[in-house]
Amino acid sequence: MVKKAISILVLILTVAGFWVMNIYPTQAEENNVNYTLTDLNNRDFANKDLQGTSFAGATMWNANFQGANLQNTILTKGDFLRANLREADFSGTFADRVSFDETDLTNAIFTDAMLMSSTFRKADVTGADFSGALVDRYQIKLICKTASGKNSITGVDTRQSLGCS
């Protein structure tokens, strides 16, 4: 009986110790939230650290991501229609089949991002940096029609980063 009571006490103290020390990595952090297939229309993510987050299949119409860290995120089939993406950092992001239509991408950073089959209809790309990004040739041709400026963060010319002639 005493052995059983001691075993239970040891178990309780062990669990309490893990809880106090917080060694379990299950506690949610802002940049570990999974937004896959969610409705994020009109949400405010300005200046948030969302690095490594998944927004796959999410709708983010009119959402505010100004200055957000979106490095290494998964945006597959996401829809940013009319979103504010000014100065957002999409470096290393996997963004295939994403709609950036009518978005404000002023000074956004897309270095080394995968943007295949993504669209940028009527997007403002003033100062955006696409260095090393994979973008469909047709989209590059369309973006180059209005591309201008130099990225205020990286100092890279938008037209040069896209390879516009």
Protein backbone atom coordinates (compact mmCIF):
# COMPACT_ATOMS: atom_id res chain seq x y z
CA MET A 1 0.00 0.00 0.00
CA VAL A 2 2.84 2.39 0.86
CA LYS A 3 4.67 1.51 -2.37
CA LYS A 4 1.54 2.28 -4.39
CA ALA A 5 1.08 5.64 -2.63
CA ILE A 6 4.75 6.53 -3.24
CA SER A 7 4.42 5.55 -6.93
CA ILE A 8 1.36 7.77 -7.33
CA LEU A 9 3.10 10.65 -5.54
CA VAL A 10 6.17 10.29 -7.79
CA LEU A 11 3.94 10.27 -10.87
CA ILE A 12 2.09 13.41 -9.72
CA LEU A 13 5.36 15.22 -8.96
CA THR A 14 6.82 14.20 -12.33
CA VAL A 15 3.80 15.49 -14.25
CA ALA A 16 3.79 18.68 -12.16
CA GLY A 17 7.50 19.11 -12.85
CA PHE A 18 6.99 18.84 -16.60
CA TRP A 19 4.13 21.32 -16.41
CA VAL A 20 6.11 23.84 -14.35
CA MET A 21 9.21 23.48 -16.53
CA ASN A 22 7.06 23.69 -19.67
CA ILE A 23 9.25 21.26 -21.61
CA TYR A 24 6.42 20.17 -23.88
CA PRO A 25 6.58 22.05 -27.21
CA THR A 26 2.81 21.97 -27.68
CA GLN A 27 2.09 25.46 -26.45
CA ALA A 28 0.78 27.53 -29.37
CA GLU A 29 2.87 30.43 -30.56
CA GLU A 30 1.76 33.11 -32.99
CA ASN A 31 3.99 31.85 -35.79
CA ASN A 32 3.06 28.19 -35.32
CA VAL A 33 -0.67 28.56 -35.90
CA ASN A 34 -2.04 26.61 -38.86
CA TYR A 35 -4.40 28.77 -40.93
CA THR A 36 -4.93 26.17 -43.68
CA LEU A 37 -8.35 26.48 -45.38
CA THR A 38 -9.49 29.29 -43.08
CA ASP A 39 -11.43 32.49 -43.73
CA LEU A 40 -9.11 35.35 -42.77
CA ASN A 41 -10.89 38.10 -44.70
CA ASN A 42 -10.39 41.57 -43.20
CA ARG A 43 -8.03 40.25 -40.48
CA ASP A 44 -5.13 42.34 -39.19
CA PHE A 45 -1.72 40.64 -39.16
CA ALA A 46 0.32 43.86 -39.47
CA ASN A 47 3.91 43.49 -38.24
CA LYS A 48 3.28 39.93 -36.96
CA ASP A 49 5.93 37.20 -36.99
CA LEU A 50 4.20 34.46 -39.00
CA GLN A 51 7.36 32.70 -40.17
CA GLY A 52 6.77 29.07 -41.12
CA THR A 53 2.97 29.33 -40.86
CA SER A 54 0.62 27.61 -43.31
CA PHE A 55 -2.01 29.68 -45.09
CA ALA A 56 -2.69 27.00 -47.72
CA GLY A 57 -6.13 27.45 -49.27
CA ALA A 58 -6.96 30.38 -46.96
CA THR A 59 -8.95 33.40 -48.14
CA MET A 60 -7.42 36.66 -46.99
CA TRP A 61 -9.41 39.27 -48.89
CA ASN A 62 -8.71 42.81 -47.66
CA ALA A 63 -6.47 41.42 -44.89
CA ASN A 64 -3.64 43.57 -43.54
CA PHE A 65 -0.20 41.93 -43.56
CA GLN A 66 1.79 45.17 -43.72
CA GLY A 67 5.31 44.58 -42.42
CA ALA A 68 4.55 40.95 -41.51
CA ASN A 69 7.27 38.30 -41.48
CA LEU A 70 5.94 35.57 -43.78
CA GLN A 71 9.29 33.91 -44.46
CA ASN A 72 9.14 30.23 -45.33
CA THR A 73 5.34 30.10 -45.18
CA ILE A 74 3.11 27.82 -47.22
CA LEU A 75 0.56 29.80 -49.21
CA THR A 76 -0.55 27.18 -51.78
CA LYS A 77 -3.91 28.17 -53.33
CA GLY A 78 -4.23 31.13 -50.94
CA ASP A 79 -6.19 34.20 -52.02
CA PHE A 80 -4.95 37.67 -51.00
CA LEU A 81 -7.43 39.67 -53.11
CA ARG A 82 -7.04 43.40 -52.30
CA ALA A 83 -4.82 42.63 -49.28
CA ASN A 84 -2.28 45.07 -47.87
CA LEU A 85 1.08 43.31 -48.22
CA ARG A 86 3.28 46.43 -48.03
CA GLU A 87 6.78 45.63 -46.75
CA ALA A 88 5.79 42.01 -46.02
CA ASP A 89 8.68 39.53 -46.21
CA PHE A 90 7.83 36.41 -48.25
CA SER A 91 11.45 35.18 -48.54
CA GLY A 92 11.65 31.44 -49.16
CA THR A 93 7.86 31.13 -49.27
CA PHE A 94 6.11 28.35 -51.19
CA ALA A 95 3.30 30.22 -52.94
CA ASP A 96 2.12 28.15 -55.88
CA ARG A 97 -1.30 28.99 -57.39
CA VAL A 98 -1.76 32.01 -55.10
CA SER A 99 -3.80 35.07 -56.06
CA PHE A 100 -2.03 38.34 -55.32
CA ASP A 101 -4.59 40.12 -57.51
CA GLU A 102 -5.22 43.80 -56.70
CA THR A 103 -2.86 43.63 -53.72
CA ASP A 104 -0.50 46.34 -52.48
CA LEU A 105 2.94 44.74 -52.69
CA THR A 106 4.89 47.99 -52.25
CA ASN A 107 8.38 47.11 -50.95
CA ALA A 108 7.39 43.45 -50.40
CA ILE A 109 10.24 40.93 -50.44
CA PHE A 110 9.91 37.67 -52.43
CA THR A 111 13.56 36.59 -52.51
CA ASP A 112 13.94 32.89 -53.31
CA ALA A 113 10.17 32.36 -53.18
CA MET A 114 8.33 29.77 -55.28
CA LEU A 115 5.55 31.69 -57.05
CA MET A 116 4.66 29.31 -59.89
CA SER A 117 1.12 29.63 -61.28
CA SER A 118 0.47 32.61 -58.97
CA THR A 119 -1.24 35.72 -60.35
CA PHE A 120 -0.54 39.43 -59.83
CA ARG A 121 -3.39 41.11 -61.80
CA LYS A 122 -3.55 44.84 -61.00
CA ALA A 123 -1.11 44.41 -58.10
CA ASP A 124 1.05 47.37 -57.08
CA VAL A 125 4.61 46.00 -57.13
CA THR A 126 6.41 49.32 -56.63
CA GLY A 127 9.72 48.53 -54.97
CA ALA A 128 8.99 44.79 -54.61
CA ASP A 129 12.07 42.52 -54.65
CA PHE A 130 11.67 39.25 -56.62
CA SER A 131 15.39 38.28 -56.54
CA GLY A 132 15.80 34.54 -57.05
CA ALA A 133 12.03 33.95 -57.06
CA LEU A 134 10.48 31.46 -59.47
CA VAL A 135 7.69 33.27 -61.33
CA ASP A 136 5.90 32.19 -64.51
CA ARG A 137 7.27 33.98 -67.58
CA TYR A 138 3.82 35.20 -68.54
CA GLN A 139 3.31 36.75 -65.09
CA ILE A 140 6.73 38.39 -65.27
CA LYS A 141 5.77 39.91 -68.62
CA LEU A 142 2.56 41.32 -67.10
CA ILE A 143 4.24 42.55 -63.90
CA CYS A 144 7.03 44.25 -65.87
CA LYS A 145 4.45 46.49 -67.59
CA THR A 146 3.95 48.43 -64.34
CA ALA A 147 7.00 47.47 -62.25
CA SER A 148 9.05 50.35 -60.90
CA GLY A 149 11.01 51.52 -57.92
CA LYS A 150 13.69 50.19 -55.63
CA ASN A 151 12.98 48.15 -52.52
CA SER A 152 13.46 50.36 -49.46
CA ILE A 153 14.67 47.40 -47.36
CA THR A 154 16.93 45.41 -49.72
CA GLY A 155 17.86 48.26 -52.09
CA VAL A 156 17.11 46.05 -55.12
CA ASP A 157 15.43 47.52 -58.21
CA THR A 158 12.08 45.82 -58.91
CA ARG A 159 12.52 45.61 -62.67
CA GLN A 160 16.02 44.20 -62.29
CA SER A 161 14.85 41.55 -59.77
CA LEU A 162 12.24 40.40 -62.30
CA GLY A 163 14.63 40.48 -65.27
CA CYS A 164 12.48 43.03 -67.13
CA SER A 165 14.02 44.28 -70.35
